[in-house]
């Protein structure tokens, strides 16, 4: 039981740390340009607005995952909604960016690998604790 709770907590904190880190390239386009291989990235006002909104939501999700960690079993459902629709939506957005030649595929692959690893960790953590009352 203790190991299962520990795994839940690892899941929450892994997600929170990665989400928190992703706020940086959202708020600072030059960082995002370097990270995703977009040379001389100078986004429009519309893009910056969308990223500002997205950064707020990402920061909120970071706090939500930390909140879930305070009662890991009772709030394990946060992991499920982090996978569907959040991680799934991020994967789809990445596919869109690559297929429209915004981000080179070789820069997106590491992000997809991290998203797949997180999805696996979250789903395993969620379902490993389901039989515990």
C-alpha atoms as a PDB file:
ATOM      1  CA  UNK A   1       0.000   0.000   0.000  1.00  0.00           C
ATOM      2  CA  UNK A   2       2.774   2.412   0.953  1.00  0.00           C
ATOM      3  CA  UNK A   3       4.510   1.823  -2.406  1.00  0.00           C
ATOM      4  CA  UNK A   4       1.281   2.538  -4.286  1.00  0.00           C
ATOM      5  CA  UNK A   5       0.799   5.844  -2.483  1.00  0.00           C
ATOM      6  CA  UNK A   6       4.455   6.667  -3.137  1.00  0.00           C
ATOM      7  CA  UNK A   7       3.870   6.007  -6.848  1.00  0.00           C
ATOM      8  CA  UNK A   8       0.830   8.305  -6.823  1.00  0.00           C
ATOM      9  CA  UNK A   9       2.912  11.028  -5.219  1.00  0.00           C
ATOM     10  CA  UNK A  10       5.681  10.577  -7.782  1.00  0.00           C
ATOM     11  CA  UNK A  11       3.040  10.944 -10.485  1.00  0.00           C
ATOM     12  CA  UNK A  12       1.622  14.150  -9.029  1.00  0.00           C
ATOM     13  CA  UNK A  13       5.030  15.745  -8.531  1.00  0.00           C
ATOM     14  CA  UNK A  14       6.387  14.643 -11.922  1.00  0.00           C
ATOM     15  CA  UNK A  15       3.419  16.284 -13.607  1.00  0.00           C
ATOM     16  CA  UNK A  16       3.610  19.397 -11.444  1.00  0.00           C
ATOM     17  CA  UNK A  17       7.314  19.928 -12.066  1.00  0.00           C
ATOM     18  CA  UNK A  18       7.040  19.427 -15.822  1.00  0.00           C
ATOM     19  CA  UNK A  19       3.951  21.646 -16.053  1.00  0.00           C
ATOM     20  CA  UNK A  20       5.661  24.328 -14.013  1.00  0.00           C
ATOM     21  CA  UNK A  21       8.716  24.208 -16.260  1.00  0.00           C
ATOM     22  CA  UNK A  22       6.560  24.512 -19.395  1.00  0.00           C
ATOM     23  CA  UNK A  23       5.220  27.849 -18.159  1.00  0.00           C
ATOM     24  CA  UNK A  24       8.655  29.345 -18.890  1.00  0.00           C
ATOM     25  CA  UNK A  25       8.660  28.891 -22.705  1.00  0.00           C
ATOM     26  CA  UNK A  26       5.019  29.946 -22.762  1.00  0.00           C
ATOM     27  CA  UNK A  27       5.767  33.276 -21.111  1.00  0.00           C
ATOM     28  CA  UNK A  28       9.143  33.819 -22.767  1.00  0.00           C
ATOM     29  CA  UNK A  29       8.871  33.102 -26.507  1.00  0.00           C
ATOM     30  CA  UNK A  30      12.624  33.277 -27.023  1.00  0.00           C
ATOM     31  CA  UNK A  31      12.989  30.260 -24.712  1.00  0.00           C
ATOM     32  CA  UNK A  32      10.222  28.425 -26.581  1.00  0.00           C
ATOM     33  CA  UNK A  33      11.881  29.226 -29.902  1.00  0.00           C
ATOM     34  CA  UNK A  34      15.180  27.741 -28.752  1.00  0.00           C
ATOM     35  CA  UNK A  35      13.534  24.755 -27.086  1.00  0.00           C
ATOM     36  CA  UNK A  36      11.449  23.836 -30.135  1.00  0.00           C
ATOM     37  CA  UNK A  37      13.932  24.820 -32.822  1.00  0.00           C
ATOM     38  CA  UNK A  38      12.139  27.870 -34.197  1.00  0.00           C
ATOM     39  CA  UNK A  39      14.887  30.262 -35.317  1.00  0.00           C
ATOM     40  CA  UNK A  40      14.346  34.001 -34.849  1.00  0.00           C
ATOM     41  CA  UNK A  41      11.014  33.351 -33.171  1.00  0.00           C
ATOM     42  CA  UNK A  42       9.092  36.614 -32.879  1.00  0.00           C
ATOM     43  CA  UNK A  43       5.447  35.698 -32.309  1.00  0.00           C
ATOM     44  CA  UNK A  44       2.467  37.898 -33.017  1.00  0.00           C
ATOM     45  CA  UNK A  45       0.327  39.594 -30.400  1.00  0.00           C
ATOM     46  CA  UNK A  46      -2.310  36.891 -30.960  1.00  0.00           C
ATOM     47  CA  UNK A  47       0.192  34.121 -30.276  1.00  0.00           C
ATOM     48  CA  UNK A  48       1.487  35.875 -27.162  1.00  0.00           C
ATOM     49  CA  UNK A  49      -2.068  36.312 -25.881  1.00  0.00           C
ATOM     50  CA  UNK A  50      -2.852  32.625 -26.480  1.00  0.00           C
ATOM     51  CA  UNK A  51       0.366  31.621 -24.718  1.00  0.00           C
ATOM     52  CA  UNK A  52      -0.449  33.914 -21.795  1.00  0.00           C
ATOM     53  CA  UNK A  53      -3.818  32.221 -21.395  1.00  0.00           C
ATOM     54  CA  UNK A  54      -2.180  28.802 -21.780  1.00  0.00           C
ATOM     55  CA  UNK A  55       0.529  29.637 -19.236  1.00  0.00           C
ATOM     56  CA  UNK A  56      -2.153  30.583 -16.711  1.00  0.00           C
ATOM     57  CA  UNK A  57      -3.899  27.262 -17.238  1.00  0.00           C
ATOM     58  CA  UNK A  58      -0.603  25.348 -17.078  1.00  0.00           C
ATOM     59  CA  UNK A  59       0.290  27.083 -13.810  1.00  0.00           C
ATOM     60  CA  UNK A  60      -3.170  26.251 -12.481  1.00  0.00           C
ATOM     61  CA  UNK A  61      -2.710  22.599 -13.435  1.00  0.00           C
ATOM     62  CA  UNK A  62       0.636  22.623 -11.622  1.00  0.00           C
ATOM     63  CA  UNK A  63      -1.132  23.762  -8.453  1.00  0.00           C
ATOM     64  CA  UNK A  64      -3.914  21.203  -9.004  1.00  0.00           C
ATOM     65  CA  UNK A  65      -1.389  18.351  -9.111  1.00  0.00           C
ATOM     66  CA  UNK A  66       0.281  19.600  -5.931  1.00  0.00           C
ATOM     67  CA  UNK A  67      -3.161  19.857  -4.308  1.00  0.00           C
ATOM     68  CA  UNK A  68      -3.935  16.272  -5.361  1.00  0.00           C
ATOM     69  CA  UNK A  69      -0.717  15.144  -3.669  1.00  0.00           C
ATOM     70  CA  UNK A  70      -2.063  16.361  -0.310  1.00  0.00           C
ATOM     71  CA  UNK A  71      -4.697  13.565  -0.402  1.00  0.00           C
ATOM     72  CA  UNK A  72      -3.190  11.172  -2.951  1.00  0.00           C
ATOM     73  CA  UNK A  73      -5.769   8.387  -2.839  1.00  0.00           C
ATOM     74  CA  UNK A  74      -8.878  10.548  -2.565  1.00  0.00           C
ATOM     75  CA  UNK A  75      -7.760  12.775  -5.461  1.00  0.00           C
ATOM     76  CA  UNK A  76      -6.318  10.114  -7.762  1.00  0.00           C
ATOM     77  CA  UNK A  77      -8.936  11.058 -10.367  1.00  0.00           C
ATOM     78  CA  UNK A  78      -6.832  14.134 -11.109  1.00  0.00           C
ATOM     79  CA  UNK A  79      -4.374  11.763 -12.825  1.00  0.00           C
ATOM     80  CA  UNK A  80      -7.086  10.441 -15.115  1.00  0.00           C
ATOM     81  CA  UNK A  81      -8.218  13.895 -16.186  1.00  0.00           C
ATOM     82  CA  UNK A  82      -4.590  14.891 -16.620  1.00  0.00           C
ATOM     83  CA  UNK A  83      -4.266  12.134 -19.222  1.00  0.00           C
ATOM     84  CA  UNK A  84      -7.708  12.689 -20.820  1.00  0.00           C
ATOM     85  CA  UNK A  85      -8.046  15.446 -22.073  1.00  0.00           C
ATOM     86  CA  UNK A  86      -4.883  17.331 -21.008  1.00  0.00           C
ATOM     87  CA  UNK A  87      -2.000  15.101 -22.171  1.00  0.00           C
ATOM     88  CA  UNK A  88      -3.986  13.819 -25.130  1.00  0.00           C
ATOM     89  CA  UNK A  89      -4.698  17.417 -26.162  1.00  0.00           C
ATOM     90  CA  UNK A  90      -1.024  18.328 -25.863  1.00  0.00           C
ATOM     91  CA  UNK A  91      -0.047  15.392 -28.083  1.00  0.00           C
ATOM     92  CA  UNK A  92      -2.622  16.409 -30.697  1.00  0.00           C
ATOM     93  CA  UNK A  93      -1.400  20.023 -30.554  1.00  0.00           C
ATOM     94  CA  UNK A  94       2.152  18.777 -31.097  1.00  0.00           C
ATOM     95  CA  UNK A  95       1.058  16.735 -34.100  1.00  0.00           C
ATOM     96  CA  UNK A  96      -0.615  19.830 -35.502  1.00  0.00           C
ATOM     97  CA  UNK A  97       2.547  21.915 -34.991  1.00  0.00           C
ATOM     98  CA  UNK A  98       4.706  19.318 -36.745  1.00  0.00           C
ATOM     99  CA  UNK A  99       2.337  18.672 -39.659  1.00  0.00           C
ATOM    100  CA  UNK A 100       2.074  22.418 -40.298  1.00  0.00           C
ATOM    101  CA  UNK A 101       5.866  22.844 -40.258  1.00  0.00           C
ATOM    102  CA  UNK A 102       5.819  25.072 -37.184  1.00  0.00           C
ATOM    103  CA  UNK A 103       8.006  22.779 -35.061  1.00  0.00           C
ATOM    104  CA  UNK A 104      10.509  20.305 -36.568  1.00  0.00           C
ATOM    105  CA  UNK A 105       9.630  16.701 -35.726  1.00  0.00           C
ATOM    106  CA  UNK A 106      13.059  16.060 -34.188  1.00  0.00           C
ATOM    107  CA  UNK A 107      12.325  18.810 -31.632  1.00  0.00           C
ATOM    108  CA  UNK A 108       8.860  17.410 -30.853  1.00  0.00           C
ATOM    109  CA  UNK A 109       9.850  13.750 -30.412  1.00  0.00           C
ATOM    110  CA  UNK A 110      11.432  14.283 -26.953  1.00  0.00           C
ATOM    111  CA  UNK A 111       8.243  16.028 -25.817  1.00  0.00           C
ATOM    112  CA  UNK A 112       6.128  13.126 -27.092  1.00  0.00           C
ATOM    113  CA  UNK A 113       8.370  10.629 -25.307  1.00  0.00           C
ATOM    114  CA  UNK A 114       7.942  12.521 -22.035  1.00  0.00           C
ATOM    115  CA  UNK A 115       4.169  12.674 -22.594  1.00  0.00           C
ATOM    116  CA  UNK A 116       4.019   8.924 -23.264  1.00  0.00           C
ATOM    117  CA  UNK A 117       6.075   8.201 -20.144  1.00  0.00           C
ATOM    118  CA  UNK A 118       3.849  10.465 -18.043  1.00  0.00           C
ATOM    119  CA  UNK A 119       0.709   8.872 -19.456  1.00  0.00           C
ATOM    120  CA  UNK A 120       2.048   5.410 -18.633  1.00  0.00           C
ATOM    121  CA  UNK A 121       3.053   6.462 -15.120  1.00  0.00           C
ATOM    122  CA  UNK A 122      -0.253   8.207 -14.440  1.00  0.00           C
ATOM    123  CA  UNK A 123      -2.408   5.366 -15.740  1.00  0.00           C
ATOM    124  CA  UNK A 124      -0.406   2.721 -13.893  1.00  0.00           C
ATOM    125  CA  UNK A 125      -0.569   4.763 -10.684  1.00  0.00           C
ATOM    126  CA  UNK A 126      -4.299   5.357 -11.081  1.00  0.00           C
ATOM    127  CA  UNK A 127      -5.187   1.723 -11.739  1.00  0.00           C
ATOM    128  CA  UNK A 128      -2.780   0.254  -9.176  1.00  0.00           C
ATOM    129  CA  UNK A 129      -4.630   2.035  -6.376  1.00  0.00           C
ATOM    130  CA  UNK A 130      -8.203   1.399  -7.605  1.00  0.00           C
ATOM    131  CA  UNK A 131      -8.789  -1.611  -5.326  1.00  0.00           C
ATOM    132  CA  UNK A 132      -7.706   0.221  -2.180  1.00  0.00           C
ATOM    133  CA  UNK A 133     -10.425   1.663   0.014  1.00  0.00           C
END
